[in-house]
Amino acid sequence: MKDKYEKLYKEAKRIIGDKTPLKKDCGTVCGAACCKGDKDTGMLLFPFEETTLTVNEKDGVRLAVCDRKCKREERPLSCRIFPFFPYVTAQGKIAVIPDIRGVNVCPLVSNFSEVQFDRGFLWRVKKVGRLLYADEACREFLTETSREMDSIISLME
């Protein structure tokens, strides 16, 4: 099973490539705010995703914790697609939406309507979402996370 997921995430990372949400390094906008986690915060790992970063588990949730010195080529998938998420619609389709969980961290999420995002990046996140959706464990993860995001959005209304 390990080989299956290594291959899956390698393909997902290949699809994203070196694309970022903006046509420049978005970390220059906010001082790389998303890379400033601590032992209790970090980026959510996808099912069976292995990483060279420190992994903490809290309440059954696996997080990649960054010490602000990661090797970009070793970043987990969540870091590569942030601040977006391949959201599963009620019809079971993949849509790319801003990850509402990052609203307090990422100025791109809080100013979403004012930012010109790289359409190539968004297309790649959608393609990755479709790739992951074909896997049962990833489909479950994407769907559960999408419903969690729905709950957060409904609380904000």
Protein backbone atom coordinates (compact mmCIF):
# COMPACT_ATOMS: atom_id res chain seq x y z
CA MET A 1 0.00 0.00 0.00
CA LYS A 2 2.89 2.36 0.77
CA ASP A 3 4.13 2.16 -2.84
CA LYS A 4 0.63 2.93 -4.14
CA TYR A 5 0.41 6.18 -2.16
CA GLU A 6 4.00 7.19 -2.83
CA LYS A 7 3.21 6.89 -6.54
CA LEU A 8 -0.10 8.75 -6.15
CA TYR A 9 1.44 11.70 -4.29
CA LYS A 10 4.44 11.79 -6.59
CA GLU A 11 2.03 12.19 -9.51
CA ALA A 12 0.03 14.86 -7.65
CA LYS A 13 3.20 16.80 -6.91
CA ARG A 14 4.31 16.43 -10.53
CA ILE A 15 0.99 17.92 -11.66
CA ILE A 16 1.35 20.93 -9.35
CA GLY A 17 4.99 21.28 -10.35
CA ASP A 18 6.47 24.62 -9.39
CA LYS A 19 3.18 26.50 -9.82
CA THR A 20 1.99 28.69 -6.97
CA PRO A 21 -1.28 30.58 -6.40
CA LEU A 22 0.24 33.77 -7.79
CA LYS A 23 2.60 34.29 -10.67
CA LYS A 24 5.19 35.16 -8.01
CA ASP A 25 6.14 33.68 -4.65
CA CYS A 26 3.03 34.36 -2.55
CA GLY A 27 5.15 34.06 0.62
CA THR A 28 6.55 37.49 -0.18
CA VAL A 29 3.05 38.95 0.35
CA CYS A 30 2.65 37.74 3.93
CA GLY A 31 6.13 36.81 5.10
CA ALA A 32 5.36 33.11 4.52
CA ALA A 33 2.67 33.09 7.21
CA CYS A 34 1.57 29.55 6.33
CA CYS A 35 5.06 28.27 7.18
CA LYS A 36 4.95 29.51 10.75
CA GLY A 37 3.37 26.57 12.53
CA ASP A 38 4.22 25.19 15.94
CA LYS A 39 3.84 21.81 17.60
CA ASP A 40 0.04 22.17 17.61
CA THR A 41 -0.48 23.73 14.18
CA GLY A 42 0.56 22.76 10.72
CA MET A 43 -0.69 21.44 7.42
CA LEU A 44 -3.12 18.55 7.33
CA LEU A 45 -1.67 15.46 5.68
CA PHE A 46 -3.59 13.52 3.07
CA PRO A 47 -4.26 9.81 3.74
CA PHE A 48 -1.05 7.78 3.97
CA GLU A 49 1.04 10.75 2.90
CA GLU A 50 4.63 10.43 3.98
CA THR A 51 6.79 13.48 4.49
CA THR A 52 10.23 14.36 5.71
CA LEU A 53 8.77 17.06 7.94
CA THR A 54 7.93 16.47 11.58
CA VAL A 55 4.51 14.88 11.88
CA ASN A 56 2.37 15.46 14.94
CA GLU A 57 -0.88 13.67 15.64
CA LYS A 58 -3.47 15.45 17.73
CA ASP A 59 -6.97 14.05 18.26
CA GLY A 60 -6.44 11.65 15.37
CA VAL A 61 -5.41 14.41 12.97
CA ARG A 62 -1.97 14.15 11.34
CA LEU A 63 -0.21 17.44 10.76
CA ALA A 64 3.04 18.26 9.02
CA VAL A 65 4.79 20.78 11.22
CA CYS A 66 7.21 23.16 9.57
CA ASP A 67 10.33 24.49 11.22
CA ARG A 68 10.41 27.27 8.56
CA LYS A 69 13.38 25.65 6.86
CA CYS A 70 11.75 23.00 4.73
CA LYS A 71 13.09 21.90 1.41
CA ARG A 72 10.42 23.09 -1.05
CA GLU A 73 10.66 19.88 -3.05
CA GLU A 74 9.77 17.86 0.08
CA ARG A 75 6.68 19.85 1.09
CA PRO A 76 3.50 17.85 1.65
CA LEU A 77 0.64 18.23 -0.81
CA SER A 78 -1.37 20.53 1.47
CA CYS A 79 1.47 23.05 1.40
CA ARG A 80 1.70 22.87 -2.37
CA ILE A 81 -2.00 23.59 -2.96
CA PHE A 82 -2.57 26.08 -0.11
CA PRO A 83 -4.60 28.31 0.13
CA PHE A 84 -6.90 26.24 -2.07
CA PHE A 85 -8.59 22.90 -1.63
CA PRO A 86 -10.08 20.42 -4.11
CA TYR A 87 -13.62 20.67 -2.74
CA VAL A 88 -16.13 17.87 -3.34
CA THR A 89 -19.54 19.25 -4.35
CA ALA A 90 -22.85 17.65 -3.37
CA GLN A 91 -22.86 16.12 -6.87
CA GLY A 92 -19.47 14.47 -6.31
CA LYS A 93 -17.58 16.83 -8.61
CA ILE A 94 -14.29 18.55 -7.80
CA ALA A 95 -14.28 22.33 -7.51
CA VAL A 96 -11.30 24.42 -6.42
CA ILE A 97 -12.17 26.82 -3.62
CA PRO A 98 -10.19 28.93 -1.16
CA ASP A 99 -9.45 26.89 1.96
CA ILE A 100 -11.59 28.76 4.49
CA ARG A 101 -9.58 27.19 7.31
CA GLY A 102 -6.72 29.47 6.28
CA VAL A 103 -8.62 32.74 6.58
CA ASN A 104 -6.74 33.81 9.70
CA VAL A 105 -3.36 32.88 8.24
CA CYS A 106 -3.41 33.73 4.57
CA PRO A 107 -4.21 37.20 3.23
CA LEU A 108 -5.01 35.61 -0.13
CA VAL A 109 -8.00 33.85 1.45
CA SER A 110 -9.23 36.88 3.36
CA ASN A 111 -8.90 39.08 0.23
CA PHE A 112 -9.93 36.41 -2.26
CA SER A 113 -12.10 38.59 -4.49
CA GLU A 114 -9.32 41.17 -4.92
CA VAL A 115 -6.50 38.81 -5.90
CA GLN A 116 -5.55 37.75 -9.43
CA PHE A 117 -4.72 34.07 -9.05
CA ASP A 118 -2.73 32.05 -11.55
CA ARG A 119 -5.37 30.13 -13.53
CA GLY A 120 -2.80 27.46 -14.41
CA PHE A 121 -2.30 26.79 -10.71
CA LEU A 122 -6.05 26.52 -10.09
CA TRP A 123 -6.43 24.14 -13.03
CA ARG A 124 -3.64 21.96 -11.62
CA VAL A 125 -5.25 21.84 -8.16
CA LYS A 126 -8.48 20.67 -9.81
CA LYS A 127 -6.58 18.01 -11.77
CA VAL A 128 -4.93 16.83 -8.54
CA GLY A 129 -8.34 16.74 -6.88
CA ARG A 130 -9.68 14.49 -9.63
CA LEU A 131 -6.64 12.24 -9.35
CA LEU A 132 -7.08 11.87 -5.59
CA TYR A 133 -10.85 11.45 -5.84
CA ALA A 134 -10.28 8.23 -7.81
CA ASP A 135 -8.70 6.68 -4.68
CA GLU A 136 -11.17 5.52 -2.00
CA ALA A 137 -9.26 6.77 1.05
CA CYS A 138 -8.49 10.11 -0.59
CA ARG A 139 -12.09 10.47 -1.81
CA GLU A 140 -13.29 9.97 1.76
CA PHE A 141 -10.74 12.50 3.04
CA LEU A 142 -11.67 15.08 0.40
CA THR A 143 -15.39 14.62 1.05
CA GLU A 144 -15.07 14.80 4.85
CA THR A 145 -12.86 17.87 4.64
CA SER A 146 -15.28 19.52 2.21
CA ARG A 147 -18.19 18.93 4.63
CA GLU A 148 -16.06 20.33 7.47
CA MET A 149 -15.48 23.43 5.37
CA ASP A 150 -19.25 23.66 4.72
CA SER A 151 -19.80 23.67 8.50
CA ILE A 152 -17.24 26.42 9.03
CA ILE A 153 -18.78 28.54 6.26
CA SER A 154 -22.28 28.10 7.72
CA LEU A 155 -21.03 29.26 11.12
CA MET A 156 -19.57 32.38 9.53
CA GLU A 157 -22.85 33.38 7.87
